[in-house]
Amino acid sequence: MRIMGLDFGSRTVGVAISDALLVTAQGIETIQRKSPGKLRQTLARIQELTEEYQVEEIVLGFPKNMNNTEGERCRSTLEFQELLKKRCNLPVVLWDERLTTVEAERSLMEGGVRREHRKSHVDRIAAVLILQGYLDARAFQAEKSGNSE
């Protein structure tokens, strides 16, 4: 079993995939979108990747505002979630993505990636952070429920 993580943006979708043991997340690509309203090719590529990697669940970054409210980006993410469920026939879990792009940008800066090259990597790294957060929370819950028995 593998889990896919997505960082959904207006121009790109960062994609990450878990290892088979659900311990680590690795970035695999950034899907370039032709325009914000056109999702057919994006959904087709995501479906191809779910089949290629034998994905059984998708984690989609949910861009809440810092004050925990939901803005326009949340509405478009919810619409994308429904399209993903229908297209891929997989569960799609929403995961709080606040500050993942900032953290991705910082890690690229610390890694010495030049400013002009960061943009091509930041969405993929953000997807890794979203998925890794989800995997870590799953592992923590499993450990916690295992210890309480």
C-alpha atoms as a PDB file:
ATOM      1  CA  MET A   1       0.000   0.000   0.000  1.00  0.00           C
ATOM      2  CA  ARG A   2       1.135   3.508  -0.763  1.00  0.00           C
ATOM      3  CA  ILE A   3      -0.326   6.924  -0.043  1.00  0.00           C
ATOM      4  CA  MET A   4      -0.059   9.931  -2.346  1.00  0.00           C
ATOM      5  CA  GLY A   5       0.266  13.503  -1.101  1.00  0.00           C
ATOM      6  CA  LEU A   6      -0.832  16.490  -3.184  1.00  0.00           C
ATOM      7  CA  ASP A   7      -0.193  20.211  -2.873  1.00  0.00           C
ATOM      8  CA  PHE A   8      -2.940  21.710  -5.067  1.00  0.00           C
ATOM      9  CA  GLY A   9      -2.283  25.178  -6.439  1.00  0.00           C
ATOM     10  CA  SER A  10      -3.745  27.400  -9.125  1.00  0.00           C
ATOM     11  CA  ARG A  11      -0.887  26.684 -11.561  1.00  0.00           C
ATOM     12  CA  THR A  12       0.775  23.528 -10.276  1.00  0.00           C
ATOM     13  CA  VAL A  13       0.143  20.390  -8.250  1.00  0.00           C
ATOM     14  CA  GLY A  14       3.039  19.028  -6.219  1.00  0.00           C
ATOM     15  CA  VAL A  15       3.014  15.236  -5.927  1.00  0.00           C
ATOM     16  CA  ALA A  16       4.622  13.031  -3.285  1.00  0.00           C
ATOM     17  CA  ILE A  17       4.387   9.308  -2.658  1.00  0.00           C
ATOM     18  CA  SER A  18       4.968   7.213   0.457  1.00  0.00           C
ATOM     19  CA  ASP A  19       7.215   4.200   0.648  1.00  0.00           C
ATOM     20  CA  ALA A  20       5.466   0.825   0.904  1.00  0.00           C
ATOM     21  CA  LEU A  21       5.886   0.773   4.701  1.00  0.00           C
ATOM     22  CA  LEU A  22       4.190   4.201   5.069  1.00  0.00           C
ATOM     23  CA  VAL A  23       7.183   5.669   6.884  1.00  0.00           C
ATOM     24  CA  THR A  24       8.624   8.255   4.499  1.00  0.00           C
ATOM     25  CA  ALA A  25       7.386  10.565   1.760  1.00  0.00           C
ATOM     26  CA  GLN A  26       9.303  11.304  -1.444  1.00  0.00           C
ATOM     27  CA  GLY A  27       8.526  13.996  -3.984  1.00  0.00           C
ATOM     28  CA  ILE A  28       7.975  12.601  -7.465  1.00  0.00           C
ATOM     29  CA  GLU A  29       6.874  15.491  -9.662  1.00  0.00           C
ATOM     30  CA  THR A  30       5.175  18.836 -10.117  1.00  0.00           C
ATOM     31  CA  ILE A  31       2.263  18.801 -12.521  1.00  0.00           C
ATOM     32  CA  GLN A  32       1.985  22.039 -14.507  1.00  0.00           C
ATOM     33  CA  ARG A  33      -1.603  23.159 -15.068  1.00  0.00           C
ATOM     34  CA  LYS A  34      -2.594  24.930 -18.293  1.00  0.00           C
ATOM     35  CA  SER A  35      -5.076  27.221 -16.513  1.00  0.00           C
ATOM     36  CA  PRO A  36      -6.803  27.344 -13.108  1.00  0.00           C
ATOM     37  CA  GLY A  37     -10.173  26.116 -14.408  1.00  0.00           C
ATOM     38  CA  LYS A  38      -8.894  23.262 -16.567  1.00  0.00           C
ATOM     39  CA  LEU A  39      -8.328  20.105 -14.556  1.00  0.00           C
ATOM     40  CA  ARG A  40      -8.894  17.224 -16.983  1.00  0.00           C
ATOM     41  CA  GLN A  41      -5.196  16.670 -17.820  1.00  0.00           C
ATOM     42  CA  THR A  42      -4.167  17.179 -14.192  1.00  0.00           C
ATOM     43  CA  LEU A  43      -6.677  14.586 -12.986  1.00  0.00           C
ATOM     44  CA  ALA A  44      -5.604  12.181 -15.739  1.00  0.00           C
ATOM     45  CA  ARG A  45      -1.934  12.475 -14.706  1.00  0.00           C
ATOM     46  CA  ILE A  46      -2.793  11.941 -11.029  1.00  0.00           C
ATOM     47  CA  GLN A  47      -4.818   8.864 -11.961  1.00  0.00           C
ATOM     48  CA  GLU A  48      -1.855   7.508 -13.979  1.00  0.00           C
ATOM     49  CA  LEU A  49       0.424   8.008 -10.983  1.00  0.00           C
ATOM     50  CA  THR A  50      -2.025   6.321  -8.567  1.00  0.00           C
ATOM     51  CA  GLU A  51      -2.075   3.277 -10.828  1.00  0.00           C
ATOM     52  CA  GLU A  52       1.688   3.264 -11.407  1.00  0.00           C
ATOM     53  CA  TYR A  53       2.473   3.453  -7.679  1.00  0.00           C
ATOM     54  CA  GLN A  54      -0.504   1.330  -6.541  1.00  0.00           C
ATOM     55  CA  VAL A  55      -1.845   4.128  -4.356  1.00  0.00           C
ATOM     56  CA  GLU A  56      -4.730   3.282  -2.025  1.00  0.00           C
ATOM     57  CA  GLU A  57      -5.300   6.701  -0.458  1.00  0.00           C
ATOM     58  CA  ILE A  58      -4.678  10.349  -1.364  1.00  0.00           C
ATOM     59  CA  VAL A  59      -3.844  13.124   1.100  1.00  0.00           C
ATOM     60  CA  LEU A  60      -4.738  16.560  -0.216  1.00  0.00           C
ATOM     61  CA  GLY A  61      -3.337  19.692   1.378  1.00  0.00           C
ATOM     62  CA  PHE A  62      -6.123  21.880   2.769  1.00  0.00           C
ATOM     63  CA  PRO A  63      -5.103  25.562   2.749  1.00  0.00           C
ATOM     64  CA  LYS A  64      -6.829  27.022   5.796  1.00  0.00           C
ATOM     65  CA  ASN A  65      -6.084  30.599   6.773  1.00  0.00           C
ATOM     66  CA  MET A  66      -3.798  31.161   9.753  1.00  0.00           C
ATOM     67  CA  ASN A  67      -6.846  32.025  11.908  1.00  0.00           C
ATOM     68  CA  ASN A  68      -8.348  28.596  11.041  1.00  0.00           C
ATOM     69  CA  THR A  69     -11.000  30.009   8.692  1.00  0.00           C
ATOM     70  CA  GLU A  70     -11.642  28.667   5.204  1.00  0.00           C
ATOM     71  CA  GLY A  71     -11.215  31.015   2.251  1.00  0.00           C
ATOM     72  CA  GLU A  72     -11.622  30.770  -1.515  1.00  0.00           C
ATOM     73  CA  ARG A  73      -8.662  28.394  -1.888  1.00  0.00           C
ATOM     74  CA  CYS A  74     -10.372  25.965   0.497  1.00  0.00           C
ATOM     75  CA  ARG A  75     -13.508  26.008  -1.651  1.00  0.00           C
ATOM     76  CA  SER A  76     -11.536  25.207  -4.809  1.00  0.00           C
ATOM     77  CA  THR A  77      -9.641  22.468  -2.914  1.00  0.00           C
ATOM     78  CA  LEU A  78     -12.932  20.896  -1.788  1.00  0.00           C
ATOM     79  CA  GLU A  79     -14.141  20.901  -5.400  1.00  0.00           C
ATOM     80  CA  PHE A  80     -10.856  19.313  -6.482  1.00  0.00           C
ATOM     81  CA  GLN A  81     -11.232  16.701  -3.730  1.00  0.00           C
ATOM     82  CA  GLU A  82     -14.620  15.638  -5.155  1.00  0.00           C
ATOM     83  CA  LEU A  83     -13.208  15.435  -8.696  1.00  0.00           C
ATOM     84  CA  LEU A  84     -10.280  13.327  -7.423  1.00  0.00           C
ATOM     85  CA  LYS A  85     -12.589  10.913  -5.595  1.00  0.00           C
ATOM     86  CA  LYS A  86     -14.661  10.384  -8.740  1.00  0.00           C
ATOM     87  CA  ARG A  87     -11.709  10.118 -11.124  1.00  0.00           C
ATOM     88  CA  CYS A  88      -9.438   7.884  -9.027  1.00  0.00           C
ATOM     89  CA  ASN A  89     -12.078   6.028  -6.994  1.00  0.00           C
ATOM     90  CA  LEU A  90      -9.909   6.381  -3.880  1.00  0.00           C
ATOM     91  CA  PRO A  91     -10.424   7.995  -0.478  1.00  0.00           C
ATOM     92  CA  VAL A  92      -9.116  11.577  -0.451  1.00  0.00           C
ATOM     93  CA  VAL A  93      -8.215  12.895   3.005  1.00  0.00           C
ATOM     94  CA  LEU A  94      -7.827  16.625   3.633  1.00  0.00           C
ATOM     95  CA  TRP A  95      -4.730  17.594   5.635  1.00  0.00           C
ATOM     96  CA  ASP A  96      -3.946  21.011   7.090  1.00  0.00           C
ATOM     97  CA  GLU A  97      -1.168  22.481   4.964  1.00  0.00           C
ATOM     98  CA  ARG A  98      -0.609  25.792   6.734  1.00  0.00           C
ATOM     99  CA  LEU A  99       2.988  26.957   6.408  1.00  0.00           C
ATOM    100  CA  THR A 100       4.131  23.980   4.306  1.00  0.00           C
ATOM    101  CA  THR A 101       5.045  26.239   1.371  1.00  0.00           C
ATOM    102  CA  VAL A 102       6.966  28.545   3.714  1.00  0.00           C
ATOM    103  CA  GLU A 103       8.769  25.541   5.208  1.00  0.00           C
ATOM    104  CA  ALA A 104       9.496  24.132   1.744  1.00  0.00           C
ATOM    105  CA  GLU A 105      10.905  27.487   0.608  1.00  0.00           C
ATOM    106  CA  ARG A 106      13.083  27.693   3.732  1.00  0.00           C
ATOM    107  CA  SER A 107      14.454  24.179   3.300  1.00  0.00           C
ATOM    108  CA  LEU A 108      15.342  24.929  -0.323  1.00  0.00           C
ATOM    109  CA  MET A 109      17.111  28.136   0.740  1.00  0.00           C
ATOM    110  CA  GLU A 110      19.017  26.266   3.444  1.00  0.00           C
ATOM    111  CA  GLY A 111      19.919  23.637   0.858  1.00  0.00           C
ATOM    112  CA  GLY A 112      21.516  26.323  -1.292  1.00  0.00           C
ATOM    113  CA  VAL A 113      18.991  26.159  -4.135  1.00  0.00           C
ATOM    114  CA  ARG A 114      19.150  29.401  -6.092  1.00  0.00           C
ATOM    115  CA  ARG A 115      16.073  31.631  -6.079  1.00  0.00           C
ATOM    116  CA  GLU A 116      15.346  31.135  -9.786  1.00  0.00           C
ATOM    117  CA  HIS A 117      15.320  27.338  -9.331  1.00  0.00           C
ATOM    118  CA  ARG A 118      13.256  27.205  -6.136  1.00  0.00           C
ATOM    119  CA  LYS A 119       9.919  27.775  -7.838  1.00  0.00           C
ATOM    120  CA  SER A 120      10.202  24.525  -9.795  1.00  0.00           C
ATOM    121  CA  HIS A 121      10.733  22.527  -6.578  1.00  0.00           C
ATOM    122  CA  VAL A 122       8.625  24.226  -3.901  1.00  0.00           C
ATOM    123  CA  ASP A 123       5.258  22.551  -4.683  1.00  0.00           C
ATOM    124  CA  ARG A 124       6.798  19.068  -4.760  1.00  0.00           C
ATOM    125  CA  ILE A 125       8.560  19.724  -1.442  1.00  0.00           C
ATOM    126  CA  ALA A 126       5.304  21.084   0.040  1.00  0.00           C
ATOM    127  CA  ALA A 127       3.559  17.852  -1.046  1.00  0.00           C
ATOM    128  CA  VAL A 128       6.286  15.872   0.735  1.00  0.00           C
ATOM    129  CA  LEU A 129       5.721  17.907   3.922  1.00  0.00           C
ATOM    130  CA  ILE A 130       1.943  17.413   3.729  1.00  0.00           C
ATOM    131  CA  LEU A 131       2.286  13.664   3.236  1.00  0.00           C
ATOM    132  CA  GLN A 132       5.035  13.262   5.845  1.00  0.00           C
ATOM    133  CA  GLY A 133       2.894  15.078   8.417  1.00  0.00           C
ATOM    134  CA  TYR A 134       0.024  12.727   7.667  1.00  0.00           C
ATOM    135  CA  LEU A 135       2.228   9.613   7.825  1.00  0.00           C
ATOM    136  CA  ASP A 136       3.730  10.739  11.138  1.00  0.00           C
ATOM    137  CA  ALA A 137       0.259  11.383  12.596  1.00  0.00           C
ATOM    138  CA  ARG A 138      -0.918   7.933  11.441  1.00  0.00           C
ATOM    139  CA  ALA A 139       2.102   6.272  13.026  1.00  0.00           C
ATOM    140  CA  PHE A 140       1.588   8.219  16.255  1.00  0.00           C
ATOM    141  CA  GLN A 141      -2.092   7.214  16.403  1.00  0.00           C
ATOM    142  CA  ALA A 142      -1.244   3.570  15.725  1.00  0.00           C
ATOM    143  CA  GLU A 143       1.415   3.616  18.424  1.00  0.00           C
ATOM    144  CA  LYS A 144      -0.889   5.359  20.864  1.00  0.00           C
ATOM    145  CA  SER A 145      -3.749   2.913  20.294  1.00  0.00           C
ATOM    146  CA  GLY A 146      -1.318  -0.029  20.480  1.00  0.00           C
ATOM    147  CA  ASN A 147      -0.030   1.126  23.869  1.00  0.00           C
ATOM    148  CA  SER A 148      -3.496   1.603  25.346  1.00  0.00           C
ATOM    149  CA  GLU A 149      -4.529  -2.032  24.861  1.00  0.00           C
END
